[in-house]
């Protein structure tokens, strides 16, 4: 995963050496698993961690990001690109 860090985090269309990007589904599932484990352990100590469900939080956050992006696109649709 680290090999793709620079290209994913700082995507530059002028860089051609990476033609495709890996699927991070397995890594994401691992993160959900360990987060749930830690939340359960903290709960045993009386500590309530938020968000309590990282998977659901991620889904809600992604939906909110889509809504924001759609609103931004709609708000700027009257502008035509002049720089190429």
PDB file of N, CA and C in Angstrom:
ATOM      1  N   UNK A   1       0.832  -1.195   0.000  1.00  0.00           N
ATOM      2  CA  UNK A   1       0.000   0.000   0.000  1.00  0.00           C
ATOM      3  C   UNK A   1       0.865   1.243   0.000  1.00  0.00           C
ATOM      4  N   UNK A   2       1.982   1.179   0.692  1.00  0.00           N
ATOM      5  CA  UNK A   2       2.830   2.361   0.808  1.00  0.00           C
ATOM      6  C   UNK A   2       3.352   2.806  -0.552  1.00  0.00           C
ATOM      7  N   UNK A   3       3.555   1.831  -1.476  1.00  0.00           N
ATOM      8  CA  UNK A   3       4.072   2.163  -2.805  1.00  0.00           C
ATOM      9  C   UNK A   3       3.173   3.180  -3.519  1.00  0.00           C
ATOM     10  N   UNK A   4       1.887   3.119  -3.274  1.00  0.00           N
ATOM     11  CA  UNK A   4       0.939   3.977  -3.957  1.00  0.00           C
ATOM     12  C   UNK A   4       0.646   5.276  -3.209  1.00  0.00           C
ATOM     13  N   UNK A   5       1.213   5.430  -2.037  1.00  0.00           N
ATOM     14  CA  UNK A   5       0.908   6.572  -1.181  1.00  0.00           C
ATOM     15  C   UNK A   5       1.090   7.903  -1.898  1.00  0.00           C
ATOM     16  N   UNK A   6       2.240   8.120  -2.492  1.00  0.00           N
ATOM     17  CA  UNK A   6       2.530   9.398  -3.143  1.00  0.00           C
ATOM     18  C   UNK A   6       1.563   9.676  -4.291  1.00  0.00           C
ATOM     19  N   UNK A   7       1.289   8.657  -5.095  1.00  0.00           N
ATOM     20  CA  UNK A   7       0.427   8.861  -6.261  1.00  0.00           C
ATOM     21  C   UNK A   7      -1.033   9.032  -5.887  1.00  0.00           C
ATOM     22  N   UNK A   8      -1.464   8.366  -4.830  1.00  0.00           N
ATOM     23  CA  UNK A   8      -2.860   8.471  -4.427  1.00  0.00           C
ATOM     24  C   UNK A   8      -3.103   9.757  -3.644  1.00  0.00           C
ATOM     25  N   UNK A   9      -2.249  10.033  -2.690  1.00  0.00           N
ATOM     26  CA  UNK A   9      -2.435  11.212  -1.839  1.00  0.00           C
ATOM     27  C   UNK A   9      -2.154  12.504  -2.585  1.00  0.00           C
ATOM     28  N   UNK A  10      -1.276  12.447  -3.550  1.00  0.00           N
ATOM     29  CA  UNK A  10      -0.882  13.647  -4.304  1.00  0.00           C
ATOM     30  C   UNK A  10      -1.008  13.346  -5.791  1.00  0.00           C
ATOM     31  N   UNK A  11      -2.205  13.031  -6.227  1.00  0.00           N
ATOM     32  CA  UNK A  11      -2.424  12.621  -7.614  1.00  0.00           C
ATOM     33  C   UNK A  11      -2.005  13.732  -8.568  1.00  0.00           C
ATOM     34  N   UNK A  12      -1.219  13.346  -9.530  1.00  0.00           N
ATOM     35  CA  UNK A  12      -0.718  14.276 -10.536  1.00  0.00           C
ATOM     36  C   UNK A  12      -0.888  13.590 -11.886  1.00  0.00           C
ATOM     37  N   UNK A  13      -1.747  14.144 -12.745  1.00  0.00           N
ATOM     38  CA  UNK A  13      -2.027  13.495 -14.025  1.00  0.00           C
ATOM     39  C   UNK A  13      -0.812  13.446 -14.932  1.00  0.00           C
ATOM     40  N   UNK A  14       0.237  14.195 -14.604  1.00  0.00           N
ATOM     41  CA  UNK A  14       1.451  14.155 -15.426  1.00  0.00           C
ATOM     42  C   UNK A  14       2.319  12.947 -15.099  1.00  0.00           C
ATOM     43  N   UNK A  15       2.018  12.241 -14.015  1.00  0.00           N
ATOM     44  CA  UNK A  15       2.795  11.052 -13.638  1.00  0.00           C
ATOM     45  C   UNK A  15       2.154   9.836 -14.295  1.00  0.00           C
ATOM     46  N   UNK A  16       2.909   9.159 -15.125  1.00  0.00           N
ATOM     47  CA  UNK A  16       2.365   8.046 -15.896  1.00  0.00           C
ATOM     48  C   UNK A  16       2.833   6.680 -15.410  1.00  0.00           C
ATOM     49  N   UNK A  17       3.737   6.608 -14.439  1.00  0.00           N
ATOM     50  CA  UNK A  17       4.319   5.324 -14.076  1.00  0.00           C
ATOM     51  C   UNK A  17       3.346   4.362 -13.412  1.00  0.00           C
ATOM     52  N   UNK A  18       2.286   4.866 -12.812  1.00  0.00           N
ATOM     53  CA  UNK A  18       1.294   3.984 -12.201  1.00  0.00           C
ATOM     54  C   UNK A  18       0.033   4.053 -13.058  1.00  0.00           C
ATOM     55  N   UNK A  19      -0.281   2.935 -13.687  1.00  0.00           N
ATOM     56  CA  UNK A  19      -1.409   2.889 -14.628  1.00  0.00           C
ATOM     57  C   UNK A  19      -2.721   2.501 -13.953  1.00  0.00           C
ATOM     58  N   UNK A  20      -2.629   1.808 -12.841  1.00  0.00           N
ATOM     59  CA  UNK A  20      -3.844   1.405 -12.139  1.00  0.00           C
ATOM     60  C   UNK A  20      -3.594   1.493 -10.639  1.00  0.00           C
ATOM     61  N   UNK A  21      -4.660   1.509  -9.915  1.00  0.00           N
ATOM     62  CA  UNK A  21      -4.582   1.632  -8.469  1.00  0.00           C
ATOM     63  C   UNK A  21      -5.128   0.371  -7.822  1.00  0.00           C
ATOM     64  N   UNK A  22      -4.545  -0.038  -6.713  1.00  0.00           N
ATOM     65  CA  UNK A  22      -4.984  -1.280  -6.060  1.00  0.00           C
ATOM     66  C   UNK A  22      -6.327  -1.102  -5.362  1.00  0.00           C
ATOM     67  N   UNK A  23      -6.955  -2.233  -5.099  1.00  0.00           N
ATOM     68  CA  UNK A  23      -8.168  -2.237  -4.293  1.00  0.00           C
ATOM     69  C   UNK A  23      -7.736  -2.272  -2.825  1.00  0.00           C
ATOM     70  N   UNK A  24      -8.292  -1.407  -2.029  1.00  0.00           N
ATOM     71  CA  UNK A  24      -7.950  -1.352  -0.611  1.00  0.00           C
ATOM     72  C   UNK A  24      -9.050  -1.938   0.258  1.00  0.00           C
ATOM     73  N   UNK A  25      -9.950  -2.706  -0.340  1.00  0.00           N
ATOM     74  CA  UNK A  25     -11.087  -3.256   0.398  1.00  0.00           C
ATOM     75  C   UNK A  25     -10.647  -4.097   1.591  1.00  0.00           C
ATOM     76  N   UNK A  26      -9.663  -4.953   1.393  1.00  0.00           N
ATOM     77  CA  UNK A  26      -9.201  -5.813   2.478  1.00  0.00           C
ATOM     78  C   UNK A  26      -8.592  -4.987   3.615  1.00  0.00           C
ATOM     79  N   UNK A  27      -7.800  -3.989   3.270  1.00  0.00           N
ATOM     80  CA  UNK A  27      -7.206  -3.120   4.290  1.00  0.00           C
ATOM     81  C   UNK A  27      -8.292  -2.353   5.043  1.00  0.00           C
ATOM     82  N   UNK A  28      -9.312  -1.913   4.326  1.00  0.00           N
ATOM     83  CA  UNK A  28     -10.415  -1.196   4.970  1.00  0.00           C
ATOM     84  C   UNK A  28     -11.183  -2.117   5.915  1.00  0.00           C
ATOM     85  N   UNK A  29     -11.413  -3.351   5.486  1.00  0.00           N
ATOM     86  CA  UNK A  29     -12.081  -4.311   6.363  1.00  0.00           C
ATOM     87  C   UNK A  29     -11.256  -4.564   7.621  1.00  0.00           C
ATOM     88  N   UNK A  30      -9.941  -4.634   7.475  1.00  0.00           N
ATOM     89  CA  UNK A  30      -9.062  -4.823   8.639  1.00  0.00           C
ATOM     90  C   UNK A  30      -9.176  -3.628   9.584  1.00  0.00           C
ATOM     91  N   UNK A  31      -9.221  -2.436   9.021  1.00  0.00           N
ATOM     92  CA  UNK A  31      -9.347  -1.234   9.851  1.00  0.00           C
ATOM     93  C   UNK A  31     -10.670  -1.240  10.611  1.00  0.00           C
ATOM     94  N   UNK A  32     -11.763  -1.618   9.941  1.00  0.00           N
ATOM     95  CA  UNK A  32     -13.055  -1.711  10.621  1.00  0.00           C
ATOM     96  C   UNK A  32     -12.989  -2.728  11.763  1.00  0.00           C
ATOM     97  N   UNK A  33     -12.378  -3.869  11.499  1.00  0.00           N
ATOM     98  CA  UNK A  33     -12.267  -4.931  12.496  1.00  0.00           C
ATOM     99  C   UNK A  33     -11.509  -4.447  13.732  1.00  0.00           C
ATOM    100  N   UNK A  34     -10.339  -3.866  13.511  1.00  0.00           N
ATOM    101  CA  UNK A  34      -9.524  -3.422  14.651  1.00  0.00           C
ATOM    102  C   UNK A  34     -10.167  -2.242  15.378  1.00  0.00           C
ATOM    103  N   UNK A  35     -10.825  -1.367  14.644  1.00  0.00           N
ATOM    104  CA  UNK A  35     -11.521  -0.254  15.291  1.00  0.00           C
ATOM    105  C   UNK A  35     -12.612  -0.788  16.220  1.00  0.00           C
ATOM    106  N   UNK A  36     -13.374  -1.761  15.728  1.00  0.00           N
ATOM    107  CA  UNK A  36     -14.434  -2.348  16.556  1.00  0.00           C
ATOM    108  C   UNK A  36     -13.845  -3.007  17.801  1.00  0.00           C
ATOM    109  N   UNK A  37     -12.733  -3.697  17.637  1.00  0.00           N
ATOM    110  CA  UNK A  37     -12.067  -4.339  18.779  1.00  0.00           C
ATOM    111  C   UNK A  37     -11.672  -3.291  19.813  1.00  0.00           C
ATOM    112  N   UNK A  38     -11.071  -2.202  19.366  1.00  0.00           N
ATOM    113  CA  UNK A  38     -10.622  -1.147  20.285  1.00  0.00           C
ATOM    114  C   UNK A  38     -11.808  -0.478  20.963  1.00  0.00           C
ATOM    115  N   UNK A  39     -12.860  -0.202  20.198  1.00  0.00           N
ATOM    116  CA  UNK A  39     -14.064   0.404  20.786  1.00  0.00           C
ATOM    117  C   UNK A  39     -14.636  -0.498  21.876  1.00  0.00           C
ATOM    118  N   UNK A  40     -14.674  -1.810  21.611  1.00  0.00           N
ATOM    119  CA  UNK A  40     -15.178  -2.757  22.620  1.00  0.00           C
ATOM    120  C   UNK A  40     -14.298  -2.751  23.877  1.00  0.00           C
ATOM    121  N   UNK A  41     -12.987  -2.733  23.708  1.00  0.00           N
ATOM    122  CA  UNK A  41     -12.074  -2.701  24.853  1.00  0.00           C
ATOM    123  C   UNK A  41     -12.227  -1.404  25.637  1.00  0.00           C
ATOM    124  N   UNK A  42     -12.362  -0.293  24.951  1.00  0.00           N
ATOM    125  CA  UNK A  42     -12.570   0.989  25.643  1.00  0.00           C
ATOM    126  C   UNK A  42     -13.894   0.988  26.390  1.00  0.00           C
ATOM    127  N   UNK A  43     -14.914   0.398  25.771  1.00  0.00           N
ATOM    128  CA  UNK A  43     -16.229   0.323  26.414  1.00  0.00           C
ATOM    129  C   UNK A  43     -16.152  -0.434  27.745  1.00  0.00           C
ATOM    130  N   UNK A  44     -15.348  -1.486  27.783  1.00  0.00           N
ATOM    131  CA  UNK A  44     -15.155  -2.253  29.025  1.00  0.00           C
ATOM    132  C   UNK A  44     -14.547  -1.385  30.131  1.00  0.00           C
ATOM    133  N   UNK A  45     -13.817  -0.350  29.739  1.00  0.00           N
ATOM    134  CA  UNK A  45     -13.187   0.559  30.708  1.00  0.00           C
ATOM    135  C   UNK A  45     -14.053   1.782  30.979  1.00  0.00           C
ATOM    136  N   UNK A  46     -15.258   1.781  30.411  1.00  0.00           N
ATOM    137  CA  UNK A  46     -16.165   2.903  30.638  1.00  0.00           C
ATOM    138  C   UNK A  46     -15.922   4.077  29.720  1.00  0.00           C
ATOM    139  N   UNK A  47     -15.157   3.884  28.678  1.00  0.00           N
ATOM    140  CA  UNK A  47     -14.851   4.962  27.726  1.00  0.00           C
ATOM    141  C   UNK A  47     -15.709   4.763  26.482  1.00  0.00           C
ATOM    142  N   UNK A  48     -16.486   5.766  26.147  1.00  0.00           N
ATOM    143  CA  UNK A  48     -17.332   5.708  24.957  1.00  0.00           C
ATOM    144  C   UNK A  48     -16.627   6.427  23.809  1.00  0.00           C
ATOM    145  N   UNK A  49     -16.219   5.658  22.831  1.00  0.00           N
ATOM    146  CA  UNK A  49     -15.524   6.204  21.676  1.00  0.00           C
ATOM    147  C   UNK A  49     -16.528   6.562  20.588  1.00  0.00           C
ATOM    148  N   UNK A  50     -16.334   7.708  19.989  1.00  0.00           N
ATOM    149  CA  UNK A  50     -17.187   8.127  18.880  1.00  0.00           C
ATOM    150  C   UNK A  50     -16.344   8.302  17.631  1.00  0.00           C
ATOM    151  N   UNK A  51     -16.780   7.840  16.507  1.00  0.00           N
ATOM    152  CA  UNK A  51     -18.028   7.118  16.288  1.00  0.00           C
ATOM    153  C   UNK A  51     -17.924   5.693  16.815  1.00  0.00           C
ATOM    154  N   UNK A  52     -19.035   5.150  17.223  1.00  0.00           N
ATOM    155  CA  UNK A  52     -19.009   3.792  17.754  1.00  0.00           C
ATOM    156  C   UNK A  52     -18.927   2.755  16.636  1.00  0.00           C
ATOM    157  N   UNK A  53     -19.446   3.078  15.458  1.00  0.00           N
ATOM    158  CA  UNK A  53     -19.408   2.163  14.314  1.00  0.00           C
ATOM    159  C   UNK A  53     -18.736   2.875  13.142  1.00  0.00           C
ATOM    160  N   UNK A  54     -17.503   2.535  12.900  1.00  0.00           N
ATOM    161  CA  UNK A  54     -16.725   3.218  11.868  1.00  0.00           C
ATOM    162  C   UNK A  54     -17.265   2.949  10.470  1.00  0.00           C
ATOM    163  N   UNK A  55     -17.782   1.762  10.226  1.00  0.00           N
ATOM    164  CA  UNK A  55     -18.342   1.430   8.904  1.00  0.00           C
ATOM    165  C   UNK A  55     -19.539   2.329   8.581  1.00  0.00           C
ATOM    166  N   UNK A  56     -20.471   2.428   9.526  1.00  0.00           N
ATOM    167  CA  UNK A  56     -21.647   3.280   9.310  1.00  0.00           C
ATOM    168  C   UNK A  56     -21.258   4.752   9.202  1.00  0.00           C
ATOM    169  N   UNK A  57     -20.310   5.170  10.037  1.00  0.00           N
ATOM    170  CA  UNK A  57     -19.826   6.547   9.966  1.00  0.00           C
ATOM    171  C   UNK A  57     -19.233   6.827   8.583  1.00  0.00           C
ATOM    172  N   UNK A  58     -18.468   5.881   8.066  1.00  0.00           N
ATOM    173  CA  UNK A  58     -17.849   6.046   6.752  1.00  0.00           C
ATOM    174  C   UNK A  58     -18.893   6.187   5.655  1.00  0.00           C
ATOM    175  N   UNK A  59     -19.931   5.360   5.719  1.00  0.00           N
ATOM    176  CA  UNK A  59     -21.013   5.435   4.727  1.00  0.00           C
ATOM    177  C   UNK A  59     -21.717   6.786   4.790  1.00  0.00           C
ATOM    178  N   UNK A  60     -22.024   7.239   5.999  1.00  0.00           N
ATOM    179  CA  UNK A  60     -22.713   8.522   6.164  1.00  0.00           C
ATOM    180  C   UNK A  60     -21.821   9.674   5.708  1.00  0.00           C
ATOM    181  N   UNK A  61     -20.523   9.588   6.026  1.00  0.00           N
ATOM    182  CA  UNK A  61     -19.586  10.635   5.628  1.00  0.00           C
ATOM    183  C   UNK A  61     -19.463  10.693   4.105  1.00  0.00           C
ATOM    184  N   UNK A  62     -19.374   9.531   3.462  1.00  0.00           N
ATOM    185  CA  UNK A  62     -19.278   9.489   1.999  1.00  0.00           C
ATOM    186  C   UNK A  62     -20.535  10.081   1.361  1.00  0.00           C
ATOM    187  N   UNK A  63     -21.694   9.769   1.913  1.00  0.00           N
ATOM    188  CA  UNK A  63     -22.949  10.325   1.387  1.00  0.00           C
ATOM    189  C   UNK A  63     -22.971  11.841   1.532  1.00  0.00           C
ATOM    190  N   UNK A  64     -22.512  12.331   2.673  1.00  0.00           N
ATOM    191  CA  UNK A  64     -22.461  13.775   2.884  1.00  0.00           C
ATOM    192  C   UNK A  64     -21.484  14.425   1.901  1.00  0.00           C
ATOM    193  N   UNK A  65     -20.354  13.795   1.666  1.00  0.00           N
ATOM    194  CA  UNK A  65     -19.383  14.331   0.705  1.00  0.00           C
ATOM    195  C   UNK A  65     -19.974  14.396  -0.696  1.00  0.00           C
ATOM    196  N   UNK A  66     -20.734  13.350  -1.094  1.00  0.00           N
ATOM    197  CA  UNK A  66     -21.393  13.373  -2.402  1.00  0.00           C
ATOM    198  C   UNK A  66     -22.389  14.513  -2.486  1.00  0.00           C
ATOM    199  N   UNK A  67     -23.158  14.725  -1.417  1.00  0.00           N
ATOM    200  CA  UNK A  67     -24.125  15.821  -1.405  1.00  0.00           C
ATOM    201  C   UNK A  67     -23.428  17.172  -1.544  1.00  0.00           C
ATOM    202  N   UNK A  68     -22.335  17.344  -0.849  1.00  0.00           N
ATOM    203  CA  UNK A  68     -21.581  18.600  -0.912  1.00  0.00           C
ATOM    204  C   UNK A  68     -21.011  18.801  -2.308  1.00  0.00           C
ATOM    205  N   UNK A  69     -20.428  17.741  -2.886  1.00  0.00           N
ATOM    206  CA  UNK A  69     -19.860  17.843  -4.228  1.00  0.00           C
ATOM    207  C   UNK A  69     -20.946  18.167  -5.250  1.00  0.00           C
ATOM    208  N   UNK A  70     -22.096  17.528  -5.130  1.00  0.00           N
ATOM    209  CA  UNK A  70     -23.202  17.815  -6.050  1.00  0.00           C
ATOM    210  C   UNK A  70     -23.676  19.257  -5.915  1.00  0.00           C
ATOM    211  N   UNK A  71     -23.767  19.752  -4.694  1.00  0.00           N
ATOM    212  CA  UNK A  71     -24.172  21.147  -4.477  1.00  0.00           C
ATOM    213  C   UNK A  71     -23.141  22.103  -5.062  1.00  0.00           C
ATOM    214  N   UNK A  72     -21.867  21.784  -4.894  1.00  0.00           N
ATOM    215  CA  UNK A  72     -20.810  22.642  -5.449  1.00  0.00           C
ATOM    216  C   UNK A  72     -20.862  22.645  -6.969  1.00  0.00           C
ATOM    217  N   UNK A  73     -21.049  21.478  -7.574  1.00  0.00           N
ATOM    218  CA  UNK A  73     -21.145  21.407  -9.038  1.00  0.00           C
ATOM    219  C   UNK A  73     -22.353  22.199  -9.536  1.00  0.00           C
ATOM    220  N   UNK A  74     -23.467  22.061  -8.860  1.00  0.00           N
ATOM    221  CA  UNK A  74     -24.670  22.793  -9.263  1.00  0.00           C
ATOM    222  C   UNK A  74     -24.473  24.299  -9.117  1.00  0.00           C
ATOM    223  N   UNK A  75     -23.814  24.708  -8.032  1.00  0.00           N
ATOM    224  CA  UNK A  75     -23.609  26.134  -7.774  1.00  0.00           C
ATOM    225  C   UNK A  75     -22.661  26.779  -8.779  1.00  0.00           C
ATOM    226  N   UNK A  76     -21.824  25.978  -9.444  1.00  0.00           N
ATOM    227  CA  UNK A  76     -20.847  26.547 -10.370  1.00  0.00           C
ATOM    228  C   UNK A  76     -21.080  26.128 -11.818  1.00  0.00           C
ATOM    229  N   UNK A  77     -22.242  25.505 -12.106  1.00  0.00           N
ATOM    230  CA  UNK A  77     -22.466  24.995 -13.453  1.00  0.00           C
ATOM    231  C   UNK A  77     -22.555  26.092 -14.514  1.00  0.00           C
ATOM    232  N   UNK A  78     -22.814  27.326 -14.119  1.00  0.00           N
ATOM    233  CA  UNK A  78     -22.893  28.407 -15.101  1.00  0.00           C
ATOM    234  C   UNK A  78     -21.518  28.883 -15.558  1.00  0.00           C
ATOM    235  N   UNK A  79     -20.467  28.481 -14.859  1.00  0.00           N
ATOM    236  CA  UNK A  79     -19.115  28.856 -15.259  1.00  0.00           C
ATOM    237  C   UNK A  79     -18.585  27.879 -16.292  1.00  0.00           C
ATOM    238  N   UNK A  80     -18.059  28.410 -17.389  1.00  0.00           N
ATOM    239  CA  UNK A  80     -17.465  27.558 -18.417  1.00  0.00           C
ATOM    240  C   UNK A  80     -15.957  27.640 -18.283  1.00  0.00           C
ATOM    241  N   UNK A  81     -15.298  26.491 -18.459  1.00  0.00           N
ATOM    242  CA  UNK A  81     -13.851  26.465 -18.341  1.00  0.00           C
ATOM    243  C   UNK A  81     -13.216  27.281 -19.471  1.00  0.00           C
ATOM    244  N   UNK A  82     -12.308  28.163 -19.097  1.00  0.00           N
ATOM    245  CA  UNK A  82     -11.632  29.020 -20.079  1.00  0.00           C
ATOM    246  C   UNK A  82     -10.142  28.721 -20.164  1.00  0.00           C
ATOM    247  N   UNK A  83      -9.642  27.948 -19.213  1.00  0.00           N
ATOM    248  CA  UNK A  83      -8.222  27.642 -19.165  1.00  0.00           C
ATOM    249  C   UNK A  83      -8.036  26.186 -19.554  1.00  0.00           C
ATOM    250  N   UNK A  84      -7.166  25.950 -20.522  1.00  0.00           N
ATOM    251  CA  UNK A  84      -6.918  24.562 -20.966  1.00  0.00           C
ATOM    252  C   UNK A  84      -5.467  24.239 -20.880  1.00  0.00           C
TER     253      UNK A  84
END
